[in-house]
N, C-alpha and C. Protein backbone atom coordinates (compact mmCIF):
# COMPACT_ATOMS: atom_id res chain seq x y z
N UNK A 1 -167.54 25.60 -121.23
CA UNK A 1 -167.14 25.60 -120.08
C UNK A 1 -168.20 25.24 -118.56
N UNK A 2 -167.02 24.77 -117.74
CA UNK A 2 -167.84 23.04 -117.03
C UNK A 2 -168.33 24.11 -115.80
N UNK A 3 -169.50 23.40 -116.04
CA UNK A 3 -170.43 23.84 -114.70
C UNK A 3 -169.91 23.70 -113.44
N UNK A 4 -169.65 24.87 -112.91
CA UNK A 4 -169.49 24.86 -111.21
C UNK A 4 -170.75 23.98 -110.56
N UNK A 5 -170.64 23.41 -109.62
CA UNK A 5 -171.64 23.00 -109.10
C UNK A 5 -171.48 22.81 -107.55
N UNK A 6 -172.51 21.91 -106.48
CA UNK A 6 -172.61 22.15 -105.39
C UNK A 6 -173.17 20.81 -104.65
N UNK A 7 -173.04 20.17 -103.48
CA UNK A 7 -173.42 18.92 -103.93
C UNK A 7 -173.84 19.47 -101.66
N UNK A 8 -175.48 19.27 -101.71
CA UNK A 8 -175.96 19.40 -100.43
C UNK A 8 -175.80 18.07 -99.99
N UNK A 9 -175.50 16.73 -98.64
CA UNK A 9 -175.71 16.13 -98.25
C UNK A 9 -177.08 16.24 -97.34
N UNK A 10 -178.13 14.82 -98.08
CA UNK A 10 -179.20 15.37 -97.32
C UNK A 10 -178.71 14.47 -96.10
N UNK A 11 -178.96 14.55 -95.01
CA UNK A 11 -179.05 14.80 -93.85
C UNK A 11 -180.46 14.67 -92.69
N UNK A 12 -181.77 14.36 -93.98
CA UNK A 12 -183.03 14.39 -93.50
C UNK A 12 -183.73 15.35 -92.44
N UNK A 13 -183.04 16.71 -92.56
CA UNK A 13 -183.43 17.86 -91.83
C UNK A 13 -184.07 18.59 -92.53
N UNK A 14 -185.22 19.13 -91.91
CA UNK A 14 -186.53 20.07 -93.30
C UNK A 14 -186.35 20.78 -93.29
N UNK A 15 -184.62 20.86 -93.33
CA UNK A 15 -184.46 22.61 -94.85
C UNK A 15 -183.42 22.63 -95.34
N UNK A 16 -183.14 21.25 -96.04
CA UNK A 16 -182.03 20.81 -97.22
C UNK A 16 -182.48 21.35 -98.09
N UNK A 17 -183.97 21.23 -98.79
CA UNK A 17 -184.57 22.21 -99.93
C UNK A 17 -184.01 23.57 -99.93
N UNK A 18 -184.46 24.16 -98.72
CA UNK A 18 -184.29 25.61 -98.38
C UNK A 18 -182.77 25.92 -99.01
N UNK A 19 -181.42 25.13 -98.31
CA UNK A 19 -180.14 25.12 -98.68
C UNK A 19 -179.99 25.05 -100.45
N UNK A 20 -180.81 24.20 -101.00
CA UNK A 20 -180.36 24.17 -102.25
C UNK A 20 -180.67 25.57 -102.74
N UNK A 21 -181.86 26.12 -102.36
CA UNK A 21 -182.64 26.98 -103.24
C UNK A 21 -181.56 28.07 -102.79
N UNK A 22 -181.01 28.42 -101.64
CA UNK A 22 -180.21 29.40 -101.34
C UNK A 22 -178.56 29.82 -102.23
N UNK A 23 -178.26 28.43 -102.80
CA UNK A 23 -177.22 28.10 -103.36
C UNK A 23 -178.00 28.30 -104.71
N UNK A 24 -179.07 28.05 -105.30
CA UNK A 24 -179.44 28.58 -106.22
C UNK A 24 -180.09 30.04 -106.70
N UNK A 25 -180.22 30.19 -105.88
CA UNK A 25 -180.59 31.77 -106.02
C UNK A 25 -179.22 33.06 -106.35
N UNK A 26 -178.09 32.26 -105.76
CA UNK A 26 -176.76 32.88 -105.69
C UNK A 26 -176.26 32.54 -107.03
N UNK A 27 -177.00 31.71 -108.09
CA UNK A 27 -176.43 31.33 -109.18
C UNK A 27 -175.41 30.74 -109.60
N UNK A 28 -175.34 29.71 -108.28
CA UNK A 28 -174.89 27.89 -107.98
C UNK A 28 -175.96 26.93 -108.84
N UNK A 29 -175.21 26.03 -109.31
CA UNK A 29 -175.88 24.64 -109.53
C UNK A 29 -175.60 24.48 -108.41
N UNK A 30 -176.82 23.56 -108.05
CA UNK A 30 -176.29 22.62 -106.37
C UNK A 30 -177.67 21.18 -106.76
N UNK A 31 -176.97 20.24 -106.18
CA UNK A 31 -177.49 18.95 -105.78
C UNK A 31 -178.20 18.82 -104.97
N UNK A 32 -178.84 18.20 -104.76
CA UNK A 32 -179.03 17.58 -103.38
C UNK A 32 -179.05 15.87 -103.37
N UNK A 33 -178.61 15.16 -102.68
CA UNK A 33 -178.41 13.21 -102.95
C UNK A 33 -177.95 13.07 -100.93
N UNK A 34 -178.72 11.43 -101.23
CA UNK A 34 -178.55 11.08 -99.83
C UNK A 34 -176.95 10.95 -98.87
N UNK A 35 -177.24 11.04 -97.63
CA UNK A 35 -176.19 11.35 -97.34
C UNK A 35 -175.47 9.40 -97.28
N UNK A 36 -176.09 8.62 -98.18
CA UNK A 36 -175.63 7.53 -98.31
C UNK A 36 -175.06 7.36 -99.66
N UNK A 37 -175.26 8.49 -100.42
CA UNK A 37 -174.22 8.61 -101.29
C UNK A 37 -172.84 8.18 -101.80
N UNK A 38 -172.33 6.63 -102.33
CA UNK A 38 -170.90 6.56 -101.57
C UNK A 38 -170.22 7.84 -102.01
N UNK A 39 -168.63 8.03 -101.64
CA UNK A 39 -168.05 9.01 -102.23
C UNK A 39 -167.34 9.15 -103.01
N UNK A 40 -166.95 8.19 -104.06
CA UNK A 40 -166.98 7.88 -105.05
C UNK A 40 -168.09 8.25 -106.32
N UNK A 41 -169.17 8.36 -106.46
CA UNK A 41 -169.76 9.21 -106.86
C UNK A 41 -170.22 10.59 -106.64
N UNK A 42 -169.65 10.73 -105.27
CA UNK A 42 -169.85 12.35 -105.19
C UNK A 42 -168.85 12.85 -105.69
N UNK A 43 -167.97 12.18 -105.81
CA UNK A 43 -166.46 12.50 -106.52
C UNK A 43 -166.30 12.95 -108.09
N UNK A 44 -166.85 12.20 -108.54
CA UNK A 44 -167.46 11.96 -109.93
C UNK A 44 -168.38 13.04 -110.33
N UNK A 45 -168.97 13.73 -109.58
CA UNK A 45 -169.64 15.12 -109.76
C UNK A 45 -168.77 16.27 -109.42
N UNK A 46 -167.40 15.96 -109.22
CA UNK A 46 -167.04 17.14 -109.06
C UNK A 46 -167.07 18.68 -108.18
N UNK A 47 -167.90 18.40 -107.68
CA UNK A 47 -168.07 19.50 -106.52
C UNK A 47 -166.93 20.32 -106.96
N UNK A 48 -167.41 22.02 -106.42
CA UNK A 48 -166.50 23.17 -105.51
C UNK A 48 -166.35 22.89 -104.31
N UNK A 49 -167.36 22.33 -103.83
CA UNK A 49 -167.77 22.92 -102.48
C UNK A 49 -169.18 21.44 -102.46
N UNK A 50 -169.39 20.73 -100.99
CA UNK A 50 -169.89 20.24 -100.58
C UNK A 50 -170.49 20.82 -99.19
N UNK A 51 -172.27 21.27 -99.12
CA UNK A 51 -172.71 21.44 -97.35
C UNK A 51 -173.17 20.12 -97.31
N UNK A 52 -172.96 19.88 -95.31
CA UNK A 52 -173.47 19.04 -94.71
C UNK A 52 -175.27 19.91 -94.18
N UNK A 53 -176.28 18.93 -94.49
CA UNK A 53 -177.33 19.50 -94.01
C UNK A 53 -177.83 19.28 -92.30
N UNK A 54 -178.25 19.73 -91.86
CA UNK A 54 -179.11 19.48 -90.75
C UNK A 54 -180.01 18.16 -90.54
N UNK A 55 -180.24 17.36 -89.66
CA UNK A 55 -180.88 16.41 -89.23
C UNK A 55 -181.47 16.17 -87.89
N UNK A 56 -182.31 15.19 -87.70
CA UNK A 56 -182.93 15.09 -86.80
C UNK A 56 -182.56 14.23 -85.93
N UNK A 57 -181.32 13.27 -85.80
CA UNK A 57 -180.77 12.35 -85.64
C UNK A 57 -179.31 12.86 -85.16
N UNK A 58 -178.57 11.68 -83.86
CA UNK A 58 -177.78 12.59 -82.67
C UNK A 58 -176.09 11.96 -83.02
N UNK A 59 -175.19 12.66 -83.56
CA UNK A 59 -174.44 11.48 -84.04
C UNK A 59 -174.28 11.12 -82.46
N UNK A 60 -174.82 10.63 -81.16
CA UNK A 60 -173.94 10.17 -80.43
C UNK A 60 -175.24 8.65 -80.76
N UNK A 61 -175.74 8.56 -81.52
CA UNK A 61 -176.53 7.17 -81.65
C UNK A 61 -175.84 6.36 -82.32
N UNK A 62 -175.84 4.96 -81.81
CA UNK A 62 -175.29 4.10 -82.61
C UNK A 62 -175.71 3.85 -84.16
N UNK A 63 -176.29 4.20 -84.51
CA UNK A 63 -177.27 3.91 -86.14
C UNK A 63 -177.28 5.86 -86.34
N UNK A 64 -176.53 6.44 -86.00
CA UNK A 64 -176.39 7.60 -86.67
C UNK A 64 -175.79 8.32 -87.77
N UNK A 65 -176.85 8.83 -89.28
CA UNK A 65 -176.21 8.78 -90.00
C UNK A 65 -174.72 9.10 -89.99
N UNK A 66 -174.30 8.46 -91.18
CA UNK A 66 -172.75 9.45 -90.81
C UNK A 66 -171.88 8.84 -92.78
N UNK A 67 -170.99 9.43 -93.15
CA UNK A 67 -170.39 9.23 -94.22
C UNK A 67 -168.95 8.91 -94.42
N UNK A 68 -168.56 8.80 -95.20
CA UNK A 68 -166.91 8.35 -95.38
C UNK A 68 -166.39 9.80 -95.02
N UNK A 69 -165.41 9.06 -93.87
CA UNK A 69 -164.61 10.59 -93.31
C UNK A 69 -164.25 10.39 -94.31
N UNK A 70 -163.55 10.26 -95.73
CA UNK A 70 -162.23 10.25 -96.60
C UNK A 70 -162.74 11.81 -97.12
N UNK A 71 -163.86 12.24 -97.17
CA UNK A 71 -164.67 13.36 -97.58
C UNK A 71 -163.94 14.21 -96.83
N UNK A 72 -163.35 14.19 -95.89
CA UNK A 72 -162.77 15.56 -95.67
C UNK A 72 -161.05 16.20 -95.59
N UNK A 73 -160.61 14.95 -96.26
CA UNK A 73 -159.00 15.02 -97.13
C UNK A 73 -159.41 15.47 -98.24
N UNK A 74 -160.71 15.30 -99.10
CA UNK A 74 -160.65 15.42 -101.34
C UNK A 74 -159.48 16.98 -100.71
N UNK A 75 -159.74 18.10 -100.26
CA UNK A 75 -158.99 19.20 -100.76
C UNK A 75 -160.56 20.10 -100.72
N UNK A 76 -161.72 19.51 -100.67
CA UNK A 76 -162.91 20.34 -101.04
C UNK A 76 -163.39 20.78 -100.03
N UNK A 77 -164.07 22.45 -99.90
CA UNK A 77 -164.59 22.98 -98.96
C UNK A 77 -165.31 22.32 -98.70
N UNK A 78 -166.09 22.33 -97.21
CA UNK A 78 -167.14 21.48 -96.73
C UNK A 78 -167.80 22.58 -95.47
N UNK A 79 -168.73 22.87 -95.63
CA UNK A 79 -169.53 22.84 -94.87
C UNK A 79 -170.79 22.61 -94.31
N UNK A 80 -170.27 22.53 -92.71
CA UNK A 80 -171.36 21.90 -92.33
C UNK A 80 -172.01 22.23 -90.73
N UNK A 81 -173.70 22.19 -91.30
CA UNK A 81 -175.14 22.83 -90.90
C UNK A 81 -175.63 21.91 -89.63
N UNK A 82 -175.86 22.96 -88.65
CA UNK A 82 -176.58 21.69 -87.55
C UNK A 82 -176.04 20.69 -87.43
N UNK A 83 -176.12 19.76 -87.27
CA UNK A 83 -176.29 18.28 -87.73
C UNK A 83 -174.72 17.69 -88.36
N UNK A 84 -175.03 18.50 -89.93
CA UNK A 84 -173.43 18.05 -89.78
C UNK A 84 -172.13 18.97 -89.48
N UNK A 85 -172.35 20.22 -88.75
CA UNK A 85 -171.19 20.91 -87.92
C UNK A 85 -171.35 19.81 -87.18
N UNK A 86 -171.77 19.08 -86.91
CA UNK A 86 -171.57 17.83 -85.10
C UNK A 86 -171.28 16.60 -86.21
N UNK A 87 -171.35 16.39 -87.05
CA UNK A 87 -170.75 15.44 -87.71
C UNK A 87 -169.16 15.65 -87.85
N UNK A 88 -168.82 16.21 -88.96
CA UNK A 88 -167.89 17.01 -88.82
C UNK A 88 -166.29 17.05 -88.00
N UNK A 89 -167.52 17.52 -86.76
CA UNK A 89 -166.69 17.68 -85.86
C UNK A 89 -166.02 16.22 -84.42
N UNK A 90 -167.40 15.19 -84.67
CA UNK A 90 -167.44 14.43 -84.32
C UNK A 90 -166.56 13.12 -85.08
N UNK A 91 -166.59 12.72 -86.79
CA UNK A 91 -165.33 12.41 -87.67
C UNK A 91 -163.54 12.24 -87.75
N UNK A 92 -163.67 13.75 -86.66
CA UNK A 92 -163.03 14.55 -87.46
C UNK A 92 -161.99 14.34 -86.08
N UNK A 93 -162.00 13.77 -84.45
CA UNK A 93 -162.09 13.47 -83.39
C UNK A 93 -161.80 14.31 -82.45
N UNK A 94 -163.29 15.55 -82.36
CA UNK A 94 -163.75 16.07 -81.75
C UNK A 94 -164.82 15.53 -80.59
N UNK A 95 -164.59 16.15 -79.63
CA UNK A 95 -166.60 15.72 -78.86
C UNK A 95 -167.92 16.25 -78.76
N UNK A 96 -168.43 15.27 -79.44
CA UNK A 96 -170.42 16.20 -79.07
C UNK A 96 -170.35 15.59 -78.15
N UNK A 97 -170.93 16.25 -77.29
CA UNK A 97 -172.63 15.54 -76.27
C UNK A 97 -173.52 15.84 -76.07
N UNK A 98 -174.22 15.19 -75.53
CA UNK A 98 -176.01 15.33 -75.26
C UNK A 98 -175.79 17.01 -74.39
N UNK A 99 -176.37 18.12 -74.83
CA UNK A 99 -176.85 19.30 -73.93
C UNK A 99 -178.00 18.97 -73.01
N UNK A 100 -177.76 19.71 -71.81
CA UNK A 100 -178.81 19.94 -70.59
C UNK A 100 -180.06 20.50 -71.49
N UNK A 101 -179.85 21.34 -72.26
CA UNK A 101 -181.07 22.34 -72.36
C UNK A 101 -180.87 22.49 -73.69
N UNK A 102 -182.43 22.13 -74.40
CA UNK A 102 -182.30 22.47 -76.43
C UNK A 102 -182.30 24.33 -76.07
N UNK A 103 -180.85 24.53 -77.14
CA UNK A 103 -181.48 25.71 -77.83
C UNK A 103 -181.92 25.69 -79.11
N UNK A 104 -183.45 26.73 -78.84
CA UNK A 104 -184.40 26.85 -80.22
C UNK A 104 -184.98 28.07 -80.29
N UNK A 105 -184.08 28.82 -81.49
CA UNK A 105 -184.98 30.48 -81.42
C UNK A 105 -183.69 30.83 -82.05
N UNK A 106 -183.77 31.85 -82.13
CA UNK A 106 -182.82 33.49 -83.11
C UNK A 106 -182.19 33.75 -81.63
N UNK A 107 -180.62 33.69 -81.37
CA UNK A 107 -180.16 34.22 -80.50
C UNK A 107 -178.75 34.78 -81.60
N UNK A 108 -178.04 35.84 -80.36
CA UNK A 108 -177.27 36.99 -80.80
C UNK A 108 -176.54 36.15 -80.87
N UNK A 109 -175.26 36.58 -82.18
CA UNK A 109 -174.09 35.27 -81.63
C UNK A 109 -172.73 36.59 -82.53
N UNK A 110 -171.68 36.48 -81.38
CA UNK A 110 -170.46 37.11 -82.25
C UNK A 110 -169.14 36.25 -82.80
N UNK A 111 -169.41 36.90 -84.33
CA UNK A 111 -168.42 35.72 -85.14
C UNK A 111 -167.51 36.64 -85.32
N UNK A 112 -166.20 35.55 -85.54
CA UNK A 112 -164.53 36.40 -86.08
C UNK A 112 -165.33 36.39 -87.44
N UNK A 113 -165.34 37.67 -87.80
CA UNK A 113 -165.50 38.34 -89.13
C UNK A 113 -164.24 38.58 -90.02
N UNK A 114 -162.73 38.23 -89.02
CA UNK A 114 -161.59 38.35 -89.95
C UNK A 114 -161.85 37.08 -90.89
N UNK A 115 -162.50 36.18 -90.72
CA UNK A 115 -161.98 34.81 -91.41
C UNK A 115 -163.32 35.21 -92.38
N UNK A 116 -163.01 34.59 -92.93
CA UNK A 116 -163.98 35.24 -94.66
C UNK A 116 -165.21 34.48 -94.89
N UNK A 117 -165.07 33.19 -94.09
CA UNK A 117 -166.79 33.04 -94.11
C UNK A 117 -167.77 33.79 -93.93
N UNK A 118 -167.38 34.59 -92.78
CA UNK A 118 -168.05 35.46 -91.94
C UNK A 118 -167.34 36.81 -92.40
N UNK A 119 -166.96 37.16 -93.01
CA UNK A 119 -166.41 38.32 -94.06
C UNK A 119 -167.49 39.46 -94.17
N UNK A 120 -167.24 40.78 -93.74
CA UNK A 120 -168.91 41.48 -93.54
C UNK A 120 -169.81 41.76 -92.80
N UNK A 121 -170.14 40.36 -92.30
CA UNK A 121 -171.39 40.18 -91.32
C UNK A 121 -171.00 41.29 -90.29
N UNK A 122 -172.10 42.18 -89.83
CA UNK A 122 -172.06 42.71 -88.69
C UNK A 122 -172.46 42.06 -87.30
N UNK A 123 -171.46 41.95 -86.19
CA UNK A 123 -171.50 41.25 -85.40
C UNK A 123 -172.26 42.36 -83.44
N UNK A 124 -172.62 41.85 -82.52
CA UNK A 124 -173.56 40.36 -83.36
C UNK A 124 -174.42 40.18 -84.14
N UNK A 125 -174.59 39.32 -84.42
CA UNK A 125 -175.41 39.21 -85.57
C UNK A 125 -176.76 37.92 -85.33
N UNK A 126 -178.42 37.85 -85.25
CA UNK A 126 -178.97 37.40 -84.93
C UNK A 126 -179.11 35.69 -85.80
N UNK A 127 -179.46 34.25 -85.39
CA UNK A 127 -179.27 33.31 -86.28
C UNK A 127 -180.34 32.40 -85.46
N UNK A 128 -180.63 31.57 -86.45
CA UNK A 128 -181.69 30.55 -86.08
C UNK A 128 -180.99 29.42 -84.94
N UNK A 129 -180.70 28.52 -84.16
CA UNK A 129 -180.85 27.90 -83.44
C UNK A 129 -181.44 27.02 -82.84
N UNK A 130 -181.37 25.70 -83.31
CA UNK A 130 -182.80 24.53 -83.40
C UNK A 130 -181.73 22.35 -83.04
N UNK A 131 -181.08 22.99 -81.77
CA UNK A 131 -180.47 21.74 -81.47
C UNK A 131 -180.19 21.60 -80.11
N UNK A 132 -180.28 20.36 -79.64
CA UNK A 132 -179.84 19.77 -78.01
C UNK A 132 -178.62 19.08 -78.12
N UNK A 133 -177.80 18.25 -79.04
CA UNK A 133 -176.18 18.02 -78.94
C UNK A 133 -175.47 18.84 -79.44
N UNK A 134 -174.64 19.34 -78.21
CA UNK A 134 -173.55 20.54 -78.61
C UNK A 134 -171.75 19.60 -79.38
N UNK A 135 -171.12 21.08 -79.59
CA UNK A 135 -169.76 20.60 -79.84
C UNK A 135 -169.38 21.01 -78.81
N UNK A 136 -168.29 20.07 -77.83
CA UNK A 136 -167.56 20.67 -76.59
C UNK A 136 -166.82 20.08 -76.11
N UNK A 137 -165.35 19.92 -77.32
CA UNK A 137 -164.30 19.95 -77.52
C UNK A 137 -163.70 19.79 -79.16
N UNK A 138 -162.99 20.48 -79.51
CA UNK A 138 -162.99 20.74 -81.31
C UNK A 138 -161.75 19.63 -81.87
N UNK A 139 -161.36 19.31 -82.71
CA UNK A 139 -160.50 18.74 -83.12
C UNK A 139 -159.44 18.91 -83.48
N UNK A 140 -158.18 18.72 -83.35
CA UNK A 140 -156.98 19.61 -83.71
C UNK A 140 -156.93 20.38 -85.23
N UNK A 141 -156.29 21.40 -85.34
CA UNK A 141 -156.65 22.25 -85.99
C UNK A 141 -158.01 23.12 -86.46
N UNK A 142 -158.85 23.20 -85.42
CA UNK A 142 -160.25 23.66 -85.51
C UNK A 142 -160.10 24.78 -84.45
N UNK A 143 -160.53 25.79 -84.98
CA UNK A 143 -160.29 26.83 -83.71
C UNK A 143 -162.44 26.81 -84.27
N UNK A 144 -162.83 27.82 -82.78
CA UNK A 144 -163.82 28.74 -82.67
C UNK A 144 -164.08 29.61 -83.44
N UNK A 145 -165.09 30.09 -84.02
CA UNK A 145 -165.47 30.94 -84.49
C UNK A 145 -166.74 32.02 -83.69
N UNK A 146 -167.79 30.87 -83.32
CA UNK A 146 -168.73 32.71 -82.70
C UNK A 146 -169.37 31.07 -81.62
N UNK A 147 -169.75 31.76 -81.03
CA UNK A 147 -170.35 31.00 -79.39
C UNK A 147 -171.65 31.85 -79.30
N UNK A 148 -172.73 30.60 -78.26
CA UNK A 148 -174.08 31.90 -77.72
C UNK A 148 -173.33 31.32 -76.27
N UNK A 149 -174.08 31.86 -75.36
CA UNK A 149 -174.64 31.76 -73.99
C UNK A 149 -174.29 30.38 -73.75
N UNK A 150 -175.32 29.29 -74.61
CA UNK A 150 -175.35 28.03 -74.14
C UNK A 150 -174.42 26.66 -74.88
N UNK A 151 -174.04 27.51 -75.94
CA UNK A 151 -173.34 27.24 -76.58
C UNK A 151 -171.81 27.69 -76.65
N UNK A 152 -170.79 26.61 -76.15
CA UNK A 152 -169.90 26.77 -76.41
C UNK A 152 -168.61 27.60 -77.90
N UNK A 153 -169.33 26.27 -78.58
CA UNK A 153 -168.80 26.10 -79.72
C UNK A 153 -169.55 26.32 -81.03
N UNK A 154 -169.75 27.57 -81.37
CA UNK A 154 -171.92 27.87 -82.36
C UNK A 154 -170.97 27.89 -83.08
N UNK A 155 -170.10 27.94 -84.05
CA UNK A 155 -169.13 28.06 -85.50
C UNK A 155 -167.63 27.51 -85.40
N UNK A 156 -166.66 27.27 -86.01
CA UNK A 156 -166.04 26.44 -86.59
C UNK A 156 -165.14 26.60 -87.59
N UNK A 157 -163.92 26.41 -87.59
CA UNK A 157 -163.38 26.66 -88.53
C UNK A 157 -162.04 25.88 -89.00
N UNK A 158 -161.72 24.99 -89.83
CA UNK A 158 -159.88 24.26 -90.44
C UNK A 158 -159.54 24.83 -91.44
N UNK A 159 -159.62 26.47 -91.93
CA UNK A 159 -159.22 26.69 -92.99
C UNK A 159 -157.81 26.20 -93.73
N UNK A 160 -157.12 25.23 -93.05
CA UNK A 160 -155.74 24.72 -93.40
C UNK A 160 -156.72 23.69 -94.56
N UNK A 161 -157.89 22.99 -94.25
CA UNK A 161 -158.27 21.25 -94.05
C UNK A 161 -159.51 21.92 -94.77
N UNK A 162 -160.23 23.43 -95.45
CA UNK A 162 -161.18 23.68 -95.61
C UNK A 162 -162.18 23.27 -95.49
N UNK A 163 -161.89 22.95 -94.28
CA UNK A 163 -163.64 22.96 -93.04
C UNK A 163 -164.54 24.12 -92.38
N UNK A 164 -165.51 24.00 -92.17
CA UNK A 164 -166.46 24.83 -92.19
C UNK A 164 -167.85 24.51 -91.71
N UNK A 165 -167.83 24.73 -89.77
CA UNK A 165 -168.81 24.59 -89.43
C UNK A 165 -170.15 25.46 -88.72
N UNK A 166 -171.39 25.59 -88.73
CA UNK A 166 -171.79 26.68 -88.06
C UNK A 166 -172.91 25.72 -87.01
N UNK A 167 -173.33 25.42 -86.41
CA UNK A 167 -174.66 24.87 -85.64
C UNK A 167 -175.96 25.76 -85.58
N UNK A 168 -175.53 26.74 -86.23
CA UNK A 168 -176.67 27.85 -86.51
C UNK A 168 -177.97 27.46 -87.74
N UNK A 169 -178.38 28.18 -88.53
CA UNK A 169 -178.79 28.13 -90.13
C UNK A 169 -179.13 29.34 -90.51
N UNK A 170 -177.88 29.56 -91.14
CA UNK A 170 -177.63 29.71 -92.25
C UNK A 170 -178.49 30.59 -93.20
N UNK A 171 -179.97 29.19 -93.76
CA UNK A 171 -180.19 29.00 -94.77
C UNK A 171 -182.06 29.99 -94.93
N UNK A 172 -182.32 30.01 -93.55
CA UNK A 172 -183.69 30.42 -93.43
C UNK A 172 -183.35 32.11 -92.79
N UNK A 173 -184.72 32.89 -93.25
CA UNK A 173 -184.54 34.35 -92.98
C UNK A 173 -184.50 34.77 -91.70
N UNK A 174 -184.83 34.03 -90.92
CA UNK A 174 -184.30 34.63 -88.83
C UNK A 174 -182.97 34.45 -88.48
N UNK A 175 -182.09 33.71 -89.51
CA UNK A 175 -180.66 34.07 -89.43
C UNK A 175 -180.24 35.15 -90.29
N UNK A 176 -180.33 36.42 -89.89
CA UNK A 176 -180.73 37.35 -90.14
C UNK A 176 -179.37 37.81 -91.75
N UNK A 177 -177.55 37.17 -91.39
CA UNK A 177 -177.30 37.30 -92.54
C UNK A 177 -176.36 35.93 -93.48
N UNK A 178 -177.28 35.64 -93.20
CA UNK A 178 -177.73 33.34 -93.73
C UNK A 178 -177.53 33.89 -95.43
N UNK A 179 -177.76 34.98 -95.76
CA UNK A 179 -177.41 34.61 -97.36
C UNK A 179 -176.09 35.41 -97.38
N UNK A 180 -175.89 36.31 -96.81
CA UNK A 180 -174.05 37.01 -96.71
C UNK A 180 -173.16 35.23 -96.61
N UNK A 181 -173.29 34.54 -95.13
CA UNK A 181 -172.36 33.60 -95.03
C UNK A 181 -172.24 32.59 -95.71
N UNK A 182 -174.19 32.68 -96.53
CA UNK A 182 -173.45 31.42 -97.20
C UNK A 182 -172.78 31.87 -99.10
N UNK A 183 -173.47 32.88 -99.21
CA UNK A 183 -172.46 33.38 -100.60
C UNK A 183 -170.59 33.32 -100.13
N UNK A 184 -170.56 33.59 -98.47
CA UNK A 184 -169.42 33.75 -99.05
C UNK A 184 -168.52 32.40 -99.04
N UNK A 185 -169.13 31.38 -98.13
CA UNK A 185 -168.65 30.14 -98.49
C UNK A 185 -168.54 29.77 -99.89
N UNK A 186 -169.91 30.24 -100.69
CA UNK A 186 -170.15 30.25 -102.39
C UNK A 186 -168.54 30.31 -103.22
N UNK A 187 -168.45 31.92 -102.60
CA UNK A 187 -167.86 32.77 -103.92
C UNK A 187 -166.24 32.48 -103.16
N UNK A 188 -165.72 32.76 -101.37
CA UNK A 188 -164.78 33.34 -101.73
C UNK A 188 -163.97 31.80 -100.91
N UNK A 189 -164.68 31.20 -100.23
CA UNK A 189 -164.27 29.90 -100.24
C UNK A 189 -164.19 28.82 -100.89
N UNK A 190 -164.87 28.92 -101.99
CA UNK A 190 -165.22 27.55 -102.74
C UNK A 190 -164.96 28.34 -104.46
N UNK A 191 -164.74 29.37 -104.97
CA UNK A 191 -164.43 30.05 -106.20
C UNK A 191 -165.37 30.20 -106.56
N UNK A 192 -167.01 29.97 -106.52
CA UNK A 192 -167.87 29.99 -108.21
C UNK A 192 -167.48 31.38 -108.14
N UNK A 193 -168.08 31.38 -110.06
CA UNK A 193 -168.50 32.30 -110.45
C UNK A 193 -169.39 32.98 -110.40
N UNK A 194 -171.03 32.04 -109.10
CA UNK A 194 -172.18 32.68 -110.40
C UNK A 194 -172.31 32.45 -111.55
N UNK A 195 -172.79 31.46 -112.60
CA UNK A 195 -172.72 31.53 -114.12
C UNK A 195 -173.91 31.00 -114.17
């Protein structure tokens, strides 16, 4: 039986190891690698899913951490968390802007529970937000799946390209249904068996 694995691409966020821990708690093998890892090396690992972590940078910075956008064309489900969400949007042709207010703390959020990523969630649900930049316009083919008063796009999906983004942190306990969301990604979207 081939080992199913999920790759967490590390953009320097404080919760990167916690993301990996949540994946492993679901009995799915997980490896944390630097965002500097070449795409060819990532693909050699044959991941069934990829998670882009949060990080302290802004995608608007000239020297912002980035990855080969071809990663989004592999048919592998990709979940962007916080910075990772903004990066997917930015590299796929959407718009990320500096917010006028920092959104930090726990906020209620309505999520589109008709989507596999949020299936089974009761809404609104409390999530931990920690960001200044925000997505203000989505790339073609993406749609809004959740918002807060300050953040018009707090979650998005592009089901055809298997690209998903959440501005909040599902890996922390302050996000009440974060484990459910991560398990939905692992099992319903990536097809993991948890073996």
